[in-house]
């Protein structure tokens, strides 16, 4: 039995509104997928009506939890709207997440344009 496609969604504080807009714009593609998100991002996404499995917030270990899922083959892609202009105390976790995606060949989008391309690959599954 094939498992449902799992997409992880993460957004820094300065990008949460952009993530919510992205989710609303791609609601029909995301609805049948299994969605996982870091804590606060997941709370905002749930308000759109999508079902989301929430992990810890990023600074409290949520990025690491999602990286572990990627390393274990439990996530098919990650959409992580990073704020490249902000300072983040959990930067080592962010770098580790990006490294894990590279090591395990997990697609990683860091902006809406690349996120849209990733979702287009799951649209007809």
PDB file of N, CA and C in Angstrom:
ATOM      1  N   UNK A   1       0.846  -1.182   0.000  1.00  0.00           N
ATOM      2  CA  UNK A   1       0.000   0.000   0.000  1.00  0.00           C
ATOM      3  C   UNK A   1       0.887   1.240   0.000  1.00  0.00           C
ATOM      4  N   UNK A   2       0.622   2.151  -0.912  1.00  0.00           N
ATOM      5  CA  UNK A   2       1.416   3.358  -1.041  1.00  0.00           C
ATOM      6  C   UNK A   2       0.967   4.397  -0.006  1.00  0.00           C
ATOM      7  N   UNK A   3       1.955   5.037   0.613  1.00  0.00           N
ATOM      8  CA  UNK A   3       1.608   6.047   1.606  1.00  0.00           C
ATOM      9  C   UNK A   3       1.265   7.363   0.920  1.00  0.00           C
ATOM     10  N   UNK A   4       0.555   8.209   1.620  1.00  0.00           N
ATOM     11  CA  UNK A   4       0.189   9.514   1.113  1.00  0.00           C
ATOM     12  C   UNK A   4       1.432  10.393   1.022  1.00  0.00           C
ATOM     13  N   UNK A   5       1.502  11.216   0.003  1.00  0.00           N
ATOM     14  CA  UNK A   5       2.601  12.166  -0.153  1.00  0.00           C
ATOM     15  C   UNK A   5       2.606  13.125   1.037  1.00  0.00           C
ATOM     16  N   UNK A   6       3.785  13.327   1.603  1.00  0.00           N
ATOM     17  CA  UNK A   6       3.931  14.207   2.757  1.00  0.00           C
ATOM     18  C   UNK A   6       4.770  15.418   2.377  1.00  0.00           C
ATOM     19  N   UNK A   7       4.228  16.589   2.661  1.00  0.00           N
ATOM     20  CA  UNK A   7       4.919  17.858   2.420  1.00  0.00           C
ATOM     21  C   UNK A   7       5.061  18.570   3.762  1.00  0.00           C
ATOM     22  N   UNK A   8       6.271  19.061   4.043  1.00  0.00           N
ATOM     23  CA  UNK A   8       6.499  19.851   5.258  1.00  0.00           C
ATOM     24  C   UNK A   8       6.480  21.330   4.885  1.00  0.00           C
ATOM     25  N   UNK A   9       5.844  22.116   5.734  1.00  0.00           N
ATOM     26  CA  UNK A   9       5.721  23.559   5.523  1.00  0.00           C
ATOM     27  C   UNK A   9       6.304  24.300   6.724  1.00  0.00           C
ATOM     28  N   UNK A  10       7.209  25.221   6.434  1.00  0.00           N
ATOM     29  CA  UNK A  10       7.879  25.994   7.478  1.00  0.00           C
ATOM     30  C   UNK A  10       7.963  27.441   6.997  1.00  0.00           C
ATOM     31  N   UNK A  11       7.796  28.391   7.897  1.00  0.00           N
ATOM     32  CA  UNK A  11       7.972  29.800   7.529  1.00  0.00           C
ATOM     33  C   UNK A  11       8.491  30.580   8.727  1.00  0.00           C
ATOM     34  N   UNK A  12       9.506  31.371   8.483  1.00  0.00           N
ATOM     35  CA  UNK A  12       9.973  32.286   9.519  1.00  0.00           C
ATOM     36  C   UNK A  12       8.884  33.324   9.801  1.00  0.00           C
ATOM     37  N   UNK A  13       8.966  33.970  10.950  1.00  0.00           N
ATOM     38  CA  UNK A  13       7.923  34.919  11.355  1.00  0.00           C
ATOM     39  C   UNK A  13       7.619  35.955  10.279  1.00  0.00           C
ATOM     40  N   UNK A  14       8.648  36.498   9.651  1.00  0.00           N
ATOM     41  CA  UNK A  14       8.443  37.515   8.631  1.00  0.00           C
ATOM     42  C   UNK A  14       7.871  36.979   7.328  1.00  0.00           C
ATOM     43  N   UNK A  15       7.704  35.670   7.230  1.00  0.00           N
ATOM     44  CA  UNK A  15       7.206  35.035   6.005  1.00  0.00           C
ATOM     45  C   UNK A  15       5.917  34.241   6.222  1.00  0.00           C
ATOM     46  N   UNK A  16       5.372  34.289   7.433  1.00  0.00           N
ATOM     47  CA  UNK A  16       4.171  33.489   7.717  1.00  0.00           C
ATOM     48  C   UNK A  16       2.971  33.940   6.883  1.00  0.00           C
ATOM     49  N   UNK A  17       2.781  35.237   6.725  1.00  0.00           N
ATOM     50  CA  UNK A  17       1.657  35.728   5.907  1.00  0.00           C
ATOM     51  C   UNK A  17       1.830  35.272   4.461  1.00  0.00           C
ATOM     52  N   UNK A  18       3.056  35.287   3.971  1.00  0.00           N
ATOM     53  CA  UNK A  18       3.334  34.834   2.615  1.00  0.00           C
ATOM     54  C   UNK A  18       3.037  33.340   2.477  1.00  0.00           C
ATOM     55  N   UNK A  19       3.340  32.552   3.522  1.00  0.00           N
ATOM     56  CA  UNK A  19       3.039  31.121   3.500  1.00  0.00           C
ATOM     57  C   UNK A  19       1.533  30.887   3.480  1.00  0.00           C
ATOM     58  N   UNK A  20       0.797  31.631   4.283  1.00  0.00           N
ATOM     59  CA  UNK A  20      -0.662  31.467   4.309  1.00  0.00           C
ATOM     60  C   UNK A  20      -1.244  31.797   2.938  1.00  0.00           C
ATOM     61  N   UNK A  21      -0.773  32.860   2.310  1.00  0.00           N
ATOM     62  CA  UNK A  21      -1.247  33.213   0.968  1.00  0.00           C
ATOM     63  C   UNK A  21      -0.903  32.112  -0.032  1.00  0.00           C
ATOM     64  N   UNK A  22       0.294  31.551   0.078  1.00  0.00           N
ATOM     65  CA  UNK A  22       0.725  30.457  -0.801  1.00  0.00           C
ATOM     66  C   UNK A  22      -0.183  29.241  -0.617  1.00  0.00           C
ATOM     67  N   UNK A  23      -0.474  28.903   0.619  1.00  0.00           N
ATOM     68  CA  UNK A  23      -1.329  27.747   0.917  1.00  0.00           C
ATOM     69  C   UNK A  23      -2.731  27.971   0.349  1.00  0.00           C
ATOM     70  N   UNK A  24      -3.263  29.168   0.520  1.00  0.00           N
ATOM     71  CA  UNK A  24      -4.592  29.462  -0.027  1.00  0.00           C
ATOM     72  C   UNK A  24      -4.592  29.372  -1.547  1.00  0.00           C
ATOM     73  N   UNK A  25      -3.526  29.854  -2.178  1.00  0.00           N
ATOM     74  CA  UNK A  25      -3.424  29.813  -3.636  1.00  0.00           C
ATOM     75  C   UNK A  25      -3.313  28.386  -4.173  1.00  0.00           C
ATOM     76  N   UNK A  26      -2.813  27.469  -3.354  1.00  0.00           N
ATOM     77  CA  UNK A  26      -2.590  26.082  -3.794  1.00  0.00           C
ATOM     78  C   UNK A  26      -3.389  25.085  -2.956  1.00  0.00           C
ATOM     79  N   UNK A  27      -4.486  25.546  -2.403  1.00  0.00           N
ATOM     80  CA  UNK A  27      -5.325  24.748  -1.503  1.00  0.00           C
ATOM     81  C   UNK A  27      -5.703  23.402  -2.117  1.00  0.00           C
ATOM     82  N   UNK A  28      -6.167  23.406  -3.374  1.00  0.00           N
ATOM     83  CA  UNK A  28      -6.651  22.174  -4.009  1.00  0.00           C
ATOM     84  C   UNK A  28      -5.547  21.138  -4.189  1.00  0.00           C
ATOM     85  N   UNK A  29      -4.326  21.587  -4.405  1.00  0.00           N
ATOM     86  CA  UNK A  29      -3.197  20.652  -4.544  1.00  0.00           C
ATOM     87  C   UNK A  29      -2.811  20.106  -3.176  1.00  0.00           C
ATOM     88  N   UNK A  30      -2.819  20.974  -2.164  1.00  0.00           N
ATOM     89  CA  UNK A  30      -2.368  20.586  -0.825  1.00  0.00           C
ATOM     90  C   UNK A  30      -3.385  19.739  -0.055  1.00  0.00           C
ATOM     91  N   UNK A  31      -4.662  19.942  -0.316  1.00  0.00           N
ATOM     92  CA  UNK A  31      -5.703  19.283   0.483  1.00  0.00           C
ATOM     93  C   UNK A  31      -5.568  17.763   0.572  1.00  0.00           C
ATOM     94  N   UNK A  32      -5.292  17.046  -0.526  1.00  0.00           N
ATOM     95  CA  UNK A  32      -5.207  15.587  -0.393  1.00  0.00           C
ATOM     96  C   UNK A  32      -3.875  15.078   0.170  1.00  0.00           C
ATOM     97  N   UNK A  33      -2.914  15.970   0.357  1.00  0.00           N
ATOM     98  CA  UNK A  33      -1.595  15.562   0.832  1.00  0.00           C
ATOM     99  C   UNK A  33      -1.550  15.526   2.356  1.00  0.00           C
ATOM    100  N   UNK A  34      -0.585  14.806   2.887  1.00  0.00           N
ATOM    101  CA  UNK A  34      -0.335  14.834   4.322  1.00  0.00           C
ATOM    102  C   UNK A  34       0.598  16.011   4.579  1.00  0.00           C
ATOM    103  N   UNK A  35       0.144  16.977   5.351  1.00  0.00           N
ATOM    104  CA  UNK A  35       0.928  18.176   5.637  1.00  0.00           C
ATOM    105  C   UNK A  35       1.483  18.129   7.049  1.00  0.00           C
ATOM    106  N   UNK A  36       2.744  18.497   7.160  1.00  0.00           N
ATOM    107  CA  UNK A  36       3.433  18.601   8.436  1.00  0.00           C
ATOM    108  C   UNK A  36       3.993  20.014   8.492  1.00  0.00           C
ATOM    109  N   UNK A  37       3.966  20.628   9.658  1.00  0.00           N
ATOM    110  CA  UNK A  37       4.498  21.990   9.771  1.00  0.00           C
ATOM    111  C   UNK A  37       5.078  22.211  11.156  1.00  0.00           C
ATOM    112  N   UNK A  38       5.950  23.195  11.232  1.00  0.00           N
ATOM    113  CA  UNK A  38       6.416  23.626  12.546  1.00  0.00           C
ATOM    114  C   UNK A  38       5.241  24.297  13.249  1.00  0.00           C
ATOM    115  N   UNK A  39       5.346  24.421  14.568  1.00  0.00           N
ATOM    116  CA  UNK A  39       4.226  24.798  15.419  1.00  0.00           C
ATOM    117  C   UNK A  39       3.382  25.986  15.012  1.00  0.00           C
ATOM    118  N   UNK A  40       3.956  27.172  15.002  1.00  0.00           N
ATOM    119  CA  UNK A  40       3.175  28.374  14.717  1.00  0.00           C
ATOM    120  C   UNK A  40       2.751  28.416  13.263  1.00  0.00           C
ATOM    121  N   UNK A  41       3.641  28.033  12.363  1.00  0.00           N
ATOM    122  CA  UNK A  41       3.272  27.983  10.943  1.00  0.00           C
ATOM    123  C   UNK A  41       2.078  27.046  10.763  1.00  0.00           C
ATOM    124  N   UNK A  42       2.118  25.898  11.407  1.00  0.00           N
ATOM    125  CA  UNK A  42       1.018  24.943  11.326  1.00  0.00           C
ATOM    126  C   UNK A  42      -0.288  25.502  11.850  1.00  0.00           C
ATOM    127  N   UNK A  43      -0.214  26.282  12.922  1.00  0.00           N
ATOM    128  CA  UNK A  43      -1.423  26.898  13.480  1.00  0.00           C
ATOM    129  C   UNK A  43      -2.071  27.823  12.448  1.00  0.00           C
ATOM    130  N   UNK A  44      -1.264  28.627  11.777  1.00  0.00           N
ATOM    131  CA  UNK A  44      -1.795  29.528  10.747  1.00  0.00           C
ATOM    132  C   UNK A  44      -2.365  28.751   9.565  1.00  0.00           C
ATOM    133  N   UNK A  45      -1.699  27.698   9.173  1.00  0.00           N
ATOM    134  CA  UNK A  45      -2.169  26.897   8.039  1.00  0.00           C
ATOM    135  C   UNK A  45      -3.486  26.209   8.386  1.00  0.00           C
ATOM    136  N   UNK A  46      -3.631  25.745   9.615  1.00  0.00           N
ATOM    137  CA  UNK A  46      -4.884  25.119  10.039  1.00  0.00           C
ATOM    138  C   UNK A  46      -6.055  26.082   9.893  1.00  0.00           C
ATOM    139  N   UNK A  47      -5.807  27.367  10.073  1.00  0.00           N
ATOM    140  CA  UNK A  47      -6.876  28.364   9.954  1.00  0.00           C
ATOM    141  C   UNK A  47      -7.396  28.494   8.531  1.00  0.00           C
ATOM    142  N   UNK A  48      -6.678  27.943   7.551  1.00  0.00           N
ATOM    143  CA  UNK A  48      -7.156  27.945   6.157  1.00  0.00           C
ATOM    144  C   UNK A  48      -8.126  26.797   5.906  1.00  0.00           C
ATOM    145  N   UNK A  49      -8.225  25.875   6.866  1.00  0.00           N
ATOM    146  CA  UNK A  49      -9.104  24.725   6.713  1.00  0.00           C
ATOM    147  C   UNK A  49      -8.376  23.440   6.351  1.00  0.00           C
ATOM    148  N   UNK A  50      -7.062  23.520   6.168  1.00  0.00           N
ATOM    149  CA  UNK A  50      -6.283  22.321   5.868  1.00  0.00           C
ATOM    150  C   UNK A  50      -5.908  21.593   7.154  1.00  0.00           C
ATOM    151  N   UNK A  51      -5.840  20.286   7.056  1.00  0.00           N
ATOM    152  CA  UNK A  51      -5.404  19.467   8.189  1.00  0.00           C
ATOM    153  C   UNK A  51      -3.874  19.420   8.175  1.00  0.00           C
ATOM    154  N   UNK A  52      -3.267  19.692   9.328  1.00  0.00           N
ATOM    155  CA  UNK A  52      -1.814  19.762   9.444  1.00  0.00           C
ATOM    156  C   UNK A  52      -1.374  19.057  10.723  1.00  0.00           C
ATOM    157  N   UNK A  53      -0.339  18.251  10.616  1.00  0.00           N
ATOM    158  CA  UNK A  53       0.309  17.685  11.791  1.00  0.00           C
ATOM    159  C   UNK A  53       1.356  18.696  12.238  1.00  0.00           C
ATOM    160  N   UNK A  54       1.197  19.211  13.451  1.00  0.00           N
ATOM    161  CA  UNK A  54       2.102  20.242  13.946  1.00  0.00           C
ATOM    162  C   UNK A  54       3.218  19.639  14.788  1.00  0.00           C
ATOM    163  N   UNK A  55       4.420  20.104  14.521  1.00  0.00           N
ATOM    164  CA  UNK A  55       5.600  19.758  15.308  1.00  0.00           C
ATOM    165  C   UNK A  55       5.889  20.921  16.248  1.00  0.00           C
ATOM    166  N   UNK A  56       7.009  20.880  16.935  1.00  0.00           N
ATOM    167  CA  UNK A  56       7.418  21.994  17.779  1.00  0.00           C
ATOM    168  C   UNK A  56       7.675  23.227  16.927  1.00  0.00           C
ATOM    169  N   UNK A  57       7.700  24.391  17.555  1.00  0.00           N
ATOM    170  CA  UNK A  57       8.082  25.581  16.798  1.00  0.00           C
ATOM    171  C   UNK A  57       9.542  25.431  16.382  1.00  0.00           C
ATOM    172  N   UNK A  58       9.936  26.135  15.334  1.00  0.00           N
ATOM    173  CA  UNK A  58      11.295  26.012  14.813  1.00  0.00           C
ATOM    174  C   UNK A  58      12.384  26.189  15.854  1.00  0.00           C
ATOM    175  N   UNK A  59      12.363  27.304  16.600  1.00  0.00           N
ATOM    176  CA  UNK A  59      13.413  27.523  17.592  1.00  0.00           C
ATOM    177  C   UNK A  59      13.425  26.500  18.731  1.00  0.00           C
ATOM    178  N   UNK A  60      12.314  25.796  18.924  1.00  0.00           N
ATOM    179  CA  UNK A  60      12.247  24.806  20.006  1.00  0.00           C
ATOM    180  C   UNK A  60      12.492  23.381  19.512  1.00  0.00           C
ATOM    181  N   UNK A  61      12.903  23.236  18.241  1.00  0.00           N
ATOM    182  CA  UNK A  61      13.248  21.916  17.726  1.00  0.00           C
ATOM    183  C   UNK A  61      12.424  21.426  16.555  1.00  0.00           C
ATOM    184  N   UNK A  62      11.450  22.206  16.111  1.00  0.00           N
ATOM    185  CA  UNK A  62      10.602  21.780  15.003  1.00  0.00           C
ATOM    186  C   UNK A  62      11.357  21.577  13.699  1.00  0.00           C
ATOM    187  N   UNK A  63      12.335  22.466  13.427  1.00  0.00           N
ATOM    188  CA  UNK A  63      13.151  22.293  12.218  1.00  0.00           C
ATOM    189  C   UNK A  63      13.894  20.960  12.279  1.00  0.00           C
ATOM    190  N   UNK A  64      14.412  20.634  13.456  1.00  0.00           N
ATOM    191  CA  UNK A  64      15.148  19.377  13.640  1.00  0.00           C
ATOM    192  C   UNK A  64      14.211  18.176  13.494  1.00  0.00           C
ATOM    193  N   UNK A  65      12.986  18.289  13.985  1.00  0.00           N
ATOM    194  CA  UNK A  65      12.029  17.192  13.845  1.00  0.00           C
ATOM    195  C   UNK A  65      11.725  16.922  12.367  1.00  0.00           C
ATOM    196  N   UNK A  66      11.550  17.988  11.602  1.00  0.00           N
ATOM    197  CA  UNK A  66      11.254  17.821  10.182  1.00  0.00           C
ATOM    198  C   UNK A  66      12.488  17.306   9.449  1.00  0.00           C
ATOM    199  N   UNK A  67      13.671  17.755   9.839  1.00  0.00           N
ATOM    200  CA  UNK A  67      14.910  17.228   9.242  1.00  0.00           C
ATOM    201  C   UNK A  67      15.019  15.726   9.502  1.00  0.00           C
ATOM    202  N   UNK A  68      14.662  15.290  10.696  1.00  0.00           N
ATOM    203  CA  UNK A  68      14.700  13.855  11.008  1.00  0.00           C
ATOM    204  C   UNK A  68      13.731  13.085  10.113  1.00  0.00           C
ATOM    205  N   UNK A  69      12.556  13.646   9.875  1.00  0.00           N
ATOM    206  CA  UNK A  69      11.600  12.998   8.971  1.00  0.00           C
ATOM    207  C   UNK A  69      12.192  12.877   7.569  1.00  0.00           C
ATOM    208  N   UNK A  70      12.887  13.916   7.115  1.00  0.00           N
ATOM    209  CA  UNK A  70      13.514  13.884   5.790  1.00  0.00           C
ATOM    210  C   UNK A  70      14.591  12.806   5.743  1.00  0.00           C
ATOM    211  N   UNK A  71      15.389  12.719   6.794  1.00  0.00           N
ATOM    212  CA  UNK A  71      16.461  11.714   6.843  1.00  0.00           C
ATOM    213  C   UNK A  71      15.899  10.296   6.859  1.00  0.00           C
ATOM    214  N   UNK A  72      14.725  10.122   7.439  1.00  0.00           N
ATOM    215  CA  UNK A  72      14.095   8.810   7.535  1.00  0.00           C
ATOM    216  C   UNK A  72      13.221   8.480   6.327  1.00  0.00           C
ATOM    217  N   UNK A  73      13.171   9.378   5.350  1.00  0.00           N
ATOM    218  CA  UNK A  73      12.349   9.128   4.162  1.00  0.00           C
ATOM    219  C   UNK A  73      10.864   9.305   4.406  1.00  0.00           C
ATOM    220  N   UNK A  74      10.493  10.068   5.411  1.00  0.00           N
ATOM    221  CA  UNK A  74       9.083  10.243   5.769  1.00  0.00           C
ATOM    222  C   UNK A  74       8.477  11.540   5.247  1.00  0.00           C
ATOM    223  N   UNK A  75       9.258  12.309   4.502  1.00  0.00           N
ATOM    224  CA  UNK A  75       8.750  13.542   3.904  1.00  0.00           C
ATOM    225  C   UNK A  75       9.221  13.582   2.449  1.00  0.00           C
ATOM    226  N   UNK A  76       8.316  13.968   1.562  1.00  0.00           N
ATOM    227  CA  UNK A  76       8.610  13.954   0.127  1.00  0.00           C
ATOM    228  C   UNK A  76       9.150  15.283  -0.385  1.00  0.00           C
ATOM    229  N   UNK A  77       8.870  16.367   0.308  1.00  0.00           N
ATOM    230  CA  UNK A  77       9.371  17.684  -0.065  1.00  0.00           C
ATOM    231  C   UNK A  77       9.168  18.631   1.113  1.00  0.00           C
ATOM    232  N   UNK A  78       9.962  19.679   1.124  1.00  0.00           N
ATOM    233  CA  UNK A  78       9.859  20.702   2.176  1.00  0.00           C
ATOM    234  C   UNK A  78       9.747  22.060   1.505  1.00  0.00           C
ATOM    235  N   UNK A  79       8.779  22.830   1.959  1.00  0.00           N
ATOM    236  CA  UNK A  79       8.641  24.216   1.521  1.00  0.00           C
ATOM    237  C   UNK A  79       8.915  25.075   2.749  1.00  0.00           C
ATOM    238  N   UNK A  80      10.016  25.809   2.705  1.00  0.00           N
ATOM    239  CA  UNK A  80      10.509  26.567   3.854  1.00  0.00           C
ATOM    240  C   UNK A  80      10.753  28.007   3.424  1.00  0.00           C
ATOM    241  N   UNK A  81       9.787  28.862   3.729  1.00  0.00           N
ATOM    242  CA  UNK A  81       9.931  30.275   3.399  1.00  0.00           C
ATOM    243  C   UNK A  81      10.807  30.923   4.467  1.00  0.00           C
ATOM    244  N   UNK A  82      12.078  31.064   4.121  1.00  0.00           N
ATOM    245  CA  UNK A  82      13.076  31.629   5.026  1.00  0.00           C
ATOM    246  C   UNK A  82      13.088  33.144   4.895  1.00  0.00           C
ATOM    247  N   UNK A  83      13.447  33.799   5.982  1.00  0.00           N
ATOM    248  CA  UNK A  83      13.655  35.249   5.961  1.00  0.00           C
ATOM    249  C   UNK A  83      15.159  35.465   5.886  1.00  0.00           C
ATOM    250  N   UNK A  84      15.693  35.706   4.689  1.00  0.00           N
ATOM    251  CA  UNK A  84      17.141  35.809   4.542  1.00  0.00           C
ATOM    252  C   UNK A  84      17.732  37.072   5.167  1.00  0.00           C
ATOM    253  N   UNK A  85      16.884  38.015   5.526  1.00  0.00           N
ATOM    254  CA  UNK A  85      17.374  39.271   6.088  1.00  0.00           C
ATOM    255  C   UNK A  85      17.318  39.301   7.618  1.00  0.00           C
ATOM    256  N   UNK A  86      16.685  38.307   8.216  1.00  0.00           N
ATOM    257  CA  UNK A  86      16.561  38.263   9.672  1.00  0.00           C
ATOM    258  C   UNK A  86      17.624  37.389  10.316  1.00  0.00           C
ATOM    259  N   UNK A  87      17.860  37.639  11.602  1.00  0.00           N
ATOM    260  CA  UNK A  87      18.754  36.785  12.374  1.00  0.00           C
ATOM    261  C   UNK A  87      17.901  35.768  13.122  1.00  0.00           C
ATOM    262  N   UNK A  88      18.385  34.538  13.145  1.00  0.00           N
ATOM    263  CA  UNK A  88      17.615  33.469  13.758  1.00  0.00           C
ATOM    264  C   UNK A  88      18.504  32.705  14.730  1.00  0.00           C
ATOM    265  N   UNK A  89      18.103  32.646  15.998  1.00  0.00           N
ATOM    266  CA  UNK A  89      18.955  31.964  16.985  1.00  0.00           C
ATOM    267  C   UNK A  89      19.115  30.472  16.711  1.00  0.00           C
ATOM    268  N   UNK A  90      18.202  29.905  15.933  1.00  0.00           N
ATOM    269  CA  UNK A  90      18.278  28.476  15.617  1.00  0.00           C
ATOM    270  C   UNK A  90      18.871  28.247  14.226  1.00  0.00           C
ATOM    271  N   UNK A  91      19.715  29.155  13.774  1.00  0.00           N
ATOM    272  CA  UNK A  91      20.354  29.041  12.456  1.00  0.00           C
ATOM    273  C   UNK A  91      21.061  27.694  12.248  1.00  0.00           C
ATOM    274  N   UNK A  92      21.734  27.146  13.275  1.00  0.00           N
ATOM    275  CA  UNK A  92      22.338  25.813  13.064  1.00  0.00           C
ATOM    276  C   UNK A  92      21.306  24.743  12.675  1.00  0.00           C
ATOM    277  N   UNK A  93      20.115  24.814  13.246  1.00  0.00           N
ATOM    278  CA  UNK A  93      19.061  23.858  12.883  1.00  0.00           C
ATOM    279  C   UNK A  93      18.613  24.063  11.438  1.00  0.00           C
ATOM    280  N   UNK A  94      18.534  25.314  11.016  1.00  0.00           N
ATOM    281  CA  UNK A  94      18.127  25.625   9.644  1.00  0.00           C
ATOM    282  C   UNK A  94      19.159  25.078   8.660  1.00  0.00           C
ATOM    283  N   UNK A  95      20.423  25.315   8.960  1.00  0.00           N
ATOM    284  CA  UNK A  95      21.486  24.810   8.093  1.00  0.00           C
ATOM    285  C   UNK A  95      21.486  23.284   8.060  1.00  0.00           C
ATOM    286  N   UNK A  96      21.233  22.663   9.202  1.00  0.00           N
ATOM    287  CA  UNK A  96      21.167  21.207   9.276  1.00  0.00           C
ATOM    288  C   UNK A  96      20.013  20.682   8.428  1.00  0.00           C
ATOM    289  N   UNK A  97      18.865  21.336   8.477  1.00  0.00           N
ATOM    290  CA  UNK A  97      17.717  20.930   7.667  1.00  0.00           C
ATOM    291  C   UNK A  97      18.064  20.996   6.185  1.00  0.00           C
ATOM    292  N   UNK A  98      18.702  22.068   5.769  1.00  0.00           N
ATOM    293  CA  UNK A  98      19.073  22.219   4.364  1.00  0.00           C
ATOM    294  C   UNK A  98      20.099  21.153   3.958  1.00  0.00           C
ATOM    295  N   UNK A  99      21.040  20.872   4.836  1.00  0.00           N
ATOM    296  CA  UNK A  99      22.045  19.836   4.568  1.00  0.00           C
ATOM    297  C   UNK A  99      21.395  18.462   4.430  1.00  0.00           C
ATOM    298  N   UNK A 100      20.479  18.136   5.328  1.00  0.00           N
ATOM    299  CA  UNK A 100      19.775  16.850   5.283  1.00  0.00           C
ATOM    300  C   UNK A 100      19.021  16.707   3.959  1.00  0.00           C
ATOM    301  N   UNK A 101      18.395  17.786   3.503  1.00  0.00           N
ATOM    302  CA  UNK A 101      17.687  17.734   2.214  1.00  0.00           C
ATOM    303  C   UNK A 101      18.663  17.415   1.089  1.00  0.00           C
ATOM    304  N   UNK A 102      19.839  18.024   1.130  1.00  0.00           N
ATOM    305  CA  UNK A 102      20.841  17.752   0.094  1.00  0.00           C
ATOM    306  C   UNK A 102      21.361  16.319   0.187  1.00  0.00           C
ATOM    307  N   UNK A 103      21.652  15.861   1.385  1.00  0.00           N
ATOM    308  CA  UNK A 103      22.190  14.506   1.575  1.00  0.00           C
ATOM    309  C   UNK A 103      21.193  13.444   1.130  1.00  0.00           C
ATOM    310  N   UNK A 104      19.919  13.652   1.429  1.00  0.00           N
ATOM    311  CA  UNK A 104      18.896  12.638   1.162  1.00  0.00           C
ATOM    312  C   UNK A 104      18.051  12.936  -0.082  1.00  0.00           C
ATOM    313  N   UNK A 105      18.481  13.938  -0.863  1.00  0.00           N
ATOM    314  CA  UNK A 105      17.824  14.267  -2.125  1.00  0.00           C
ATOM    315  C   UNK A 105      16.339  14.574  -1.946  1.00  0.00           C
ATOM    316  N   UNK A 106      16.030  15.391  -0.940  1.00  0.00           N
ATOM    317  CA  UNK A 106      14.655  15.811  -0.673  1.00  0.00           C
ATOM    318  C   UNK A 106      14.468  17.202  -1.268  1.00  0.00           C
ATOM    319  N   UNK A 107      13.489  17.382  -2.149  1.00  0.00           N
ATOM    320  CA  UNK A 107      13.262  18.699  -2.732  1.00  0.00           C
ATOM    321  C   UNK A 107      12.979  19.737  -1.636  1.00  0.00           C
ATOM    322  N   UNK A 108      13.626  20.902  -1.768  1.00  0.00           N
ATOM    323  CA  UNK A 108      13.487  21.983  -0.789  1.00  0.00           C
ATOM    324  C   UNK A 108      13.239  23.286  -1.528  1.00  0.00           C
ATOM    325  N   UNK A 109      12.094  23.909  -1.263  1.00  0.00           N
ATOM    326  CA  UNK A 109      11.771  25.213  -1.836  1.00  0.00           C
ATOM    327  C   UNK A 109      11.922  26.263  -0.741  1.00  0.00           C
ATOM    328  N   UNK A 110      12.528  27.383  -1.075  1.00  0.00           N
ATOM    329  CA  UNK A 110      12.719  28.436  -0.074  1.00  0.00           C
ATOM    330  C   UNK A 110      11.981  29.722  -0.433  1.00  0.00           C
ATOM    331  N   UNK A 111      11.151  29.664  -1.462  1.00  0.00           N
ATOM    332  CA  UNK A 111      10.361  30.836  -1.843  1.00  0.00           C
ATOM    333  C   UNK A 111       9.134  30.358  -2.618  1.00  0.00           C
ATOM    334  N   UNK A 112       8.146  31.238  -2.824  1.00  0.00           N
ATOM    335  CA  UNK A 112       6.917  30.810  -3.509  1.00  0.00           C
ATOM    336  C   UNK A 112       7.130  30.273  -4.917  1.00  0.00           C
ATOM    337  N   UNK A 113       8.066  30.840  -5.677  1.00  0.00           N
ATOM    338  CA  UNK A 113       8.281  30.372  -7.049  1.00  0.00           C
ATOM    339  C   UNK A 113       8.753  28.921  -7.067  1.00  0.00           C
ATOM    340  N   UNK A 114       9.721  28.584  -6.218  1.00  0.00           N
ATOM    341  CA  UNK A 114      10.202  27.196  -6.192  1.00  0.00           C
ATOM    342  C   UNK A 114       9.172  26.283  -5.525  1.00  0.00           C
ATOM    343  N   UNK A 115       8.415  26.808  -4.576  1.00  0.00           N
ATOM    344  CA  UNK A 115       7.346  26.020  -3.957  1.00  0.00           C
ATOM    345  C   UNK A 115       6.288  25.621  -4.966  1.00  0.00           C
ATOM    346  N   UNK A 116       5.947  26.564  -5.855  1.00  0.00           N
ATOM    347  CA  UNK A 116       4.961  26.284  -6.893  1.00  0.00           C
ATOM    348  C   UNK A 116       5.459  25.181  -7.834  1.00  0.00           C
ATOM    349  N   UNK A 117       6.736  25.227  -8.170  1.00  0.00           N
ATOM    350  CA  UNK A 117       7.303  24.186  -9.041  1.00  0.00           C
ATOM    351  C   UNK A 117       7.258  22.814  -8.366  1.00  0.00           C
ATOM    352  N   UNK A 118       7.577  22.768  -7.081  1.00  0.00           N
ATOM    353  CA  UNK A 118       7.512  21.489  -6.362  1.00  0.00           C
ATOM    354  C   UNK A 118       6.084  20.965  -6.339  1.00  0.00           C
ATOM    355  N   UNK A 119       5.125  21.829  -6.007  1.00  0.00           N
ATOM    356  CA  UNK A 119       3.737  21.374  -5.939  1.00  0.00           C
ATOM    357  C   UNK A 119       3.219  20.916  -7.299  1.00  0.00           C
ATOM    358  N   UNK A 120       3.697  21.527  -8.370  1.00  0.00           N
ATOM    359  CA  UNK A 120       3.229  21.112  -9.698  1.00  0.00           C
ATOM    360  C   UNK A 120       3.596  19.648  -9.971  1.00  0.00           C
ATOM    361  N   UNK A 121       4.672  19.190  -9.367  1.00  0.00           N
ATOM    362  CA  UNK A 121       5.062  17.789  -9.521  1.00  0.00           C
ATOM    363  C   UNK A 121       4.134  16.824  -8.792  1.00  0.00           C
ATOM    364  N   UNK A 122       3.427  17.304  -7.790  1.00  0.00           N
ATOM    365  CA  UNK A 122       2.501  16.449  -7.029  1.00  0.00           C
ATOM    366  C   UNK A 122       1.046  16.632  -7.458  1.00  0.00           C
ATOM    367  N   UNK A 123       0.807  17.598  -8.328  1.00  0.00           N
ATOM    368  CA  UNK A 123      -0.556  17.977  -8.701  1.00  0.00           C
ATOM    369  C   UNK A 123      -1.345  16.838  -9.335  1.00  0.00           C
ATOM    370  N   UNK A 124      -0.719  16.027 -10.143  1.00  0.00           N
ATOM    371  CA  UNK A 124      -1.444  14.974 -10.860  1.00  0.00           C
ATOM    372  C   UNK A 124      -1.254  13.585 -10.269  1.00  0.00           C
ATOM    373  N   UNK A 125      -0.688  13.505  -9.074  1.00  0.00           N
ATOM    374  CA  UNK A 125      -0.479  12.183  -8.461  1.00  0.00           C
ATOM    375  C   UNK A 125      -1.762  11.648  -7.910  1.00  0.00           C
TER     376      UNK A 125
END
